[in-house]
Amino acid sequence: NPEEIAIAVTPRHLSVGSDGLIHVCRSDIADAKMRMFNADGSEGRMCGNGIRCVGKFVYDNGLCKKTELDIETLSGVKHLSLKLDEKGEVELVTVDMGRAEIIQKGLIVNVQGADYDMTRVSVGNPHAVTFVEDVKGLDLEKIGPLFENNKAFGERVNTEFVRVIDENTLEMRVWERGSGETFACGTGACATVAAAIANGYCRFSEPVTVKLLGGDLTITVEGDMNVLMTGEAVKAYEGVFEYER
């Protein structure tokens, strides 16, 4: 049961510790299939950082020795381009994330007495993006759940808090539904750049560096709203997890 395993494996200090669990399995329509489970056991439709890790995992472990491959997700089949290092292992992954869709601009949401101007974006999963002057001073442990479960969005959402540095650089923190604040969110970075373009902060077809707690991602949104995401994929460690039901 991957839902139960996700709940067991994700707690920090008590278990392996992670933002979620990814199950890699066979696909009838792509080179591999990924299922992504949040820390609370709920299944997500897509994970931008996770799919880069899947690309590295299947290549480095010999499951698919192609540097151009397709991965099936609940948000459709995504195309990956892998860049290898001098040891022949994957170091960078570019993912064709498909088209971003601006669902709504100018949605004002009041949280703890403050009004936030939200842009709702879909990149296969739901995001709500707000641009602020300072991301470091936000207490996401307090306000994050109030955005995630806010009735204004119609469903639980991932929320991105973004500071515009310049038209090619954004700083972002993210509160992910089902997982809380995470060091990085690939789909969130894609949604953020799409929202930044929609609000006049960035431009189409220009690479934008999104600075996250866990490192930088490079996002390019084309004129047709198709999104390319490039970032590292690094193996932290490997081991065996003994799961007792």
Protein backbone atom coordinates (compact mmCIF):
# COMPACT_ATOMS: atom_id res chain seq x y z
CA ASN A 1 0.00 0.00 0.00
CA PRO A 2 1.99 3.05 -1.20
CA GLU A 3 -0.24 5.48 0.73
CA GLU A 4 0.64 3.81 4.03
CA ILE A 5 4.32 3.50 3.09
CA ALA A 6 4.45 7.23 2.25
CA ILE A 7 3.14 8.09 5.71
CA ALA A 8 5.70 5.73 7.28
CA VAL A 9 8.76 6.82 5.28
CA THR A 10 8.37 10.62 5.24
CA PRO A 11 8.66 11.71 8.93
CA ARG A 12 11.95 13.50 9.60
CA HIS A 13 13.96 12.44 12.67
CA LEU A 14 11.78 9.33 13.02
CA SER A 15 12.17 7.69 9.61
CA VAL A 16 13.92 8.24 6.28
CA GLY A 17 12.50 11.77 6.04
CA SER A 18 11.18 13.22 2.79
CA ASP A 19 8.50 15.41 1.24
CA GLY A 20 6.86 12.36 -0.29
CA LEU A 21 7.24 8.96 -1.90
CA ILE A 22 7.52 8.16 -5.61
CA HIS A 23 6.58 4.75 -6.94
CA VAL A 24 8.24 3.93 -10.29
CA CYS A 25 6.51 1.20 -12.27
CA ARG A 26 5.98 -0.09 -15.80
CA SER A 27 3.97 1.84 -18.34
CA ASP A 28 2.10 0.70 -21.44
CA ILE A 29 2.38 4.13 -23.07
CA ALA A 30 5.78 5.49 -21.94
CA ASP A 31 9.25 4.38 -20.84
CA ALA A 32 8.15 4.32 -17.19
CA LYS A 33 5.30 5.45 -14.96
CA MET A 34 5.53 7.43 -11.74
CA ARG A 35 3.03 7.70 -8.91
CA MET A 36 3.68 10.41 -6.34
CA PHE A 37 2.38 10.34 -2.77
CA ASN A 38 2.50 13.28 -0.37
CA ALA A 39 3.61 13.05 3.24
CA ASP A 40 -0.01 12.62 4.36
CA GLY A 41 -0.51 9.68 2.00
CA SER A 42 -2.59 11.57 -0.56
CA GLU A 43 -1.67 10.96 -4.19
CA GLY A 44 -0.56 13.92 -6.27
CA ARG A 45 -1.12 14.21 -10.00
CA MET A 46 2.37 15.48 -10.76
CA CYS A 47 5.66 16.41 -9.07
CA GLY A 48 8.17 18.49 -11.03
CA ASN A 49 11.14 17.76 -8.78
CA GLY A 50 10.07 14.14 -8.47
CA ILE A 51 9.97 13.53 -12.21
CA ARG A 52 13.56 14.78 -12.55
CA CYS A 53 14.56 12.28 -9.87
CA VAL A 54 12.67 9.57 -11.75
CA GLY A 55 14.63 10.38 -14.90
CA LYS A 56 17.92 10.01 -13.03
CA PHE A 57 16.74 6.87 -11.24
CA VAL A 58 15.66 4.94 -14.34
CA TYR A 59 18.76 5.93 -16.34
CA ASP A 60 21.44 5.48 -13.69
CA ASN A 61 19.98 2.12 -12.66
CA GLY A 62 19.79 0.82 -16.22
CA LEU A 63 15.99 0.64 -16.38
CA CYS A 64 15.96 2.86 -19.46
CA LYS A 65 19.26 3.80 -21.09
CA LYS A 66 17.95 6.68 -23.19
CA THR A 67 18.73 10.35 -22.71
CA GLU A 68 15.39 11.27 -24.31
CA LEU A 69 12.55 9.46 -22.56
CA ASP A 70 8.88 9.71 -21.67
CA ILE A 71 7.38 9.31 -18.20
CA GLU A 72 3.70 8.62 -17.60
CA THR A 73 2.05 10.64 -14.82
CA LEU A 74 -1.52 11.31 -13.73
CA SER A 75 -1.14 14.63 -15.58
CA GLY A 76 -0.20 12.92 -18.82
CA VAL A 77 3.04 11.77 -20.44
CA LYS A 78 6.00 14.11 -19.92
CA HIS A 79 9.13 14.20 -22.09
CA LEU A 80 12.54 14.36 -20.39
CA SER A 81 15.96 15.28 -21.78
CA LEU A 82 18.87 14.05 -19.67
CA LYS A 83 22.36 15.59 -19.49
CA LEU A 84 25.11 13.28 -18.26
CA ASP A 85 28.22 14.09 -16.23
CA GLU A 86 31.75 12.83 -16.87
CA LYS A 87 30.91 9.56 -15.09
CA GLY A 88 27.99 8.89 -17.40
CA GLU A 89 25.38 9.61 -14.73
CA VAL A 90 22.50 12.06 -14.98
CA GLU A 91 23.22 15.53 -13.56
CA LEU A 92 20.66 17.80 -15.26
CA VAL A 93 17.14 17.08 -16.44
CA THR A 94 14.93 19.20 -18.68
CA VAL A 95 11.25 18.36 -18.52
CA ASP A 96 8.61 19.41 -21.02
CA MET A 97 5.89 20.12 -18.49
CA GLY A 98 3.16 20.83 -21.03
CA ARG A 99 1.01 23.93 -21.02
CA ALA A 100 0.30 26.10 -18.03
CA GLU A 101 -3.20 27.51 -17.75
CA ILE A 102 -4.04 30.78 -16.02
CA ILE A 103 -7.29 29.97 -14.25
CA GLN A 104 -7.87 33.32 -12.55
CA LYS A 105 -6.08 36.61 -11.91
CA GLY A 106 -6.79 39.20 -9.26
CA LEU A 107 -8.43 36.89 -6.74
CA ILE A 108 -8.21 38.65 -3.36
CA VAL A 109 -7.89 36.24 -0.44
CA ASN A 110 -7.86 37.48 3.15
CA VAL A 111 -5.69 35.49 5.54
CA GLN A 112 -5.19 36.63 9.14
CA GLY A 113 -6.35 40.14 8.32
CA ALA A 114 -4.10 40.63 5.29
CA ASP A 115 -5.28 40.71 1.66
CA TYR A 116 -3.30 38.65 -0.86
CA ASP A 117 -3.68 39.14 -4.62
CA MET A 118 -3.69 35.59 -5.98
CA THR A 119 -3.21 34.17 -9.46
CA ARG A 120 -4.56 30.65 -9.88
CA VAL A 121 -2.57 28.46 -12.26
CA SER A 122 -2.87 24.85 -13.38
CA VAL A 123 0.19 22.93 -14.55
CA GLY A 124 -1.50 19.56 -14.19
CA ASN A 125 -2.09 20.31 -10.51
CA PRO A 126 -3.59 23.40 -8.83
CA HIS A 127 -1.47 26.34 -7.69
CA ALA A 128 -2.19 29.75 -6.19
CA VAL A 129 0.60 32.31 -6.64
CA THR A 130 0.97 35.60 -4.78
CA PHE A 131 3.68 38.23 -5.19
CA VAL A 132 5.04 39.76 -1.99
CA GLU A 133 7.84 42.15 -1.00
CA ASP A 134 9.50 39.71 1.42
CA VAL A 135 9.29 35.93 1.40
CA LYS A 136 11.77 35.24 4.18
CA GLY A 137 9.66 36.89 6.88
CA LEU A 138 6.51 34.87 6.19
CA ASP A 139 5.39 32.38 8.84
CA LEU A 140 4.27 29.63 6.48
CA GLU A 141 3.60 27.19 9.32
CA LYS A 142 0.77 29.50 10.39
CA ILE A 143 -0.57 30.86 7.13
CA GLY A 144 0.23 27.95 4.80
CA PRO A 145 -2.67 25.71 5.91
CA LEU A 146 -5.04 28.68 5.68
CA PHE A 147 -4.22 29.02 1.99
CA GLU A 148 -4.13 25.28 1.29
CA ASN A 149 -7.65 24.77 2.62
CA ASN A 150 -9.16 28.12 1.66
CA LYS A 151 -12.65 27.79 0.18
CA ALA A 152 -11.89 30.57 -2.31
CA PHE A 153 -9.92 28.09 -4.42
CA GLY A 154 -12.56 25.37 -4.56
CA GLU A 155 -10.04 22.64 -3.73
CA ARG A 156 -6.84 22.19 -1.75
CA VAL A 157 -4.04 24.05 -3.49
CA ASN A 158 -0.28 24.44 -3.52
CA THR A 159 0.60 28.04 -2.65
CA GLU A 160 3.63 29.97 -3.89
CA PHE A 161 4.88 33.15 -2.23
CA VAL A 162 7.11 35.05 -4.65
CA ARG A 163 9.44 38.05 -4.60
CA VAL A 164 10.37 39.54 -7.96
CA ILE A 165 14.10 40.30 -8.07
CA ASP A 166 14.15 41.22 -11.77
CA GLU A 167 12.46 40.00 -14.96
CA ASN A 168 14.74 36.96 -15.11
CA THR A 169 14.98 36.12 -11.39
CA LEU A 170 12.33 35.20 -8.83
CA GLU A 171 12.62 34.11 -5.20
CA MET A 172 9.98 31.63 -4.05
CA ARG A 173 8.76 29.75 -1.01
CA VAL A 174 6.09 27.11 -1.33
CA TRP A 175 3.46 25.50 0.85
CA GLU A 176 2.52 22.19 -0.76
CA ARG A 177 -0.84 20.62 -0.12
CA GLY A 178 -0.42 17.45 1.87
CA SER A 179 3.25 18.11 2.67
CA GLY A 180 3.60 21.64 4.09
CA GLU A 181 6.58 23.85 3.30
CA THR A 182 9.13 22.08 1.12
CA PHE A 183 12.60 23.06 -0.05
CA ALA A 184 11.50 23.09 -3.68
CA CYS A 185 8.51 22.49 -5.93
CA GLY A 186 9.02 22.03 -9.65
CA THR A 187 5.41 22.47 -10.68
CA GLY A 188 5.23 25.44 -8.32
CA ALA A 189 8.19 27.08 -10.04
CA CYS A 190 6.50 26.55 -13.41
CA ALA A 191 3.23 28.01 -12.12
CA THR A 192 5.12 30.94 -10.61
CA VAL A 193 6.80 31.94 -13.88
CA ALA A 194 3.52 31.58 -15.78
CA ALA A 195 1.84 33.83 -13.19
CA ALA A 196 4.74 36.30 -13.34
CA ILE A 197 4.32 36.60 -17.10
CA ALA A 198 0.55 36.99 -16.76
CA ASN A 199 1.13 39.84 -14.29
CA GLY A 200 3.80 41.57 -16.38
CA TYR A 201 6.85 40.72 -14.26
CA CYS A 202 8.56 38.34 -16.72
CA ARG A 203 8.51 37.70 -20.47
CA PHE A 204 7.64 34.80 -22.74
CA SER A 205 10.49 32.64 -24.11
CA GLU A 206 13.01 34.10 -21.64
CA PRO A 207 14.67 31.70 -19.16
CA VAL A 208 13.78 32.66 -15.60
CA THR A 209 15.78 31.51 -12.58
CA VAL A 210 13.54 30.58 -9.67
CA LYS A 211 15.47 30.62 -6.40
CA LEU A 212 14.13 28.13 -3.85
CA LEU A 213 15.34 26.97 -0.45
CA GLY A 214 16.71 23.80 -2.05
CA GLY A 215 18.41 25.42 -5.04
CA ASP A 216 17.64 27.05 -8.37
CA LEU A 217 15.40 25.94 -11.22
CA THR A 218 15.37 27.41 -14.72
CA ILE A 219 11.91 27.84 -16.21
CA THR A 220 11.00 28.94 -19.73
CA VAL A 221 7.40 29.62 -20.72
CA GLU A 222 6.81 29.84 -24.47
CA GLY A 223 4.20 32.01 -26.15
CA ASP A 224 1.75 29.11 -26.31
CA MET A 225 2.19 28.67 -22.52
CA ASN A 226 4.22 25.47 -22.93
CA VAL A 227 6.68 25.19 -20.04
CA LEU A 228 10.22 23.80 -19.92
CA MET A 229 11.84 23.13 -16.54
CA THR A 230 15.57 22.46 -16.07
CA GLY A 231 17.22 21.48 -12.81
CA GLU A 232 19.65 19.15 -11.10
CA ALA A 233 18.96 15.61 -10.01
CA VAL A 234 21.30 14.42 -7.25
CA LYS A 235 21.35 11.12 -5.37
CA ALA A 236 21.60 11.89 -1.65
CA TYR A 237 21.97 8.27 -0.55
CA GLU A 238 20.47 4.82 -1.02
CA GLY A 239 19.41 2.16 1.43
CA VAL A 240 16.77 -0.34 2.46
CA PHE A 241 13.62 0.68 4.33
CA GLU A 242 12.08 -2.05 6.45
CA TYR A 243 8.34 -1.52 6.57
CA GLU A 244 6.23 -3.24 9.19
CA ARG A 245 2.47 -3.21 8.68
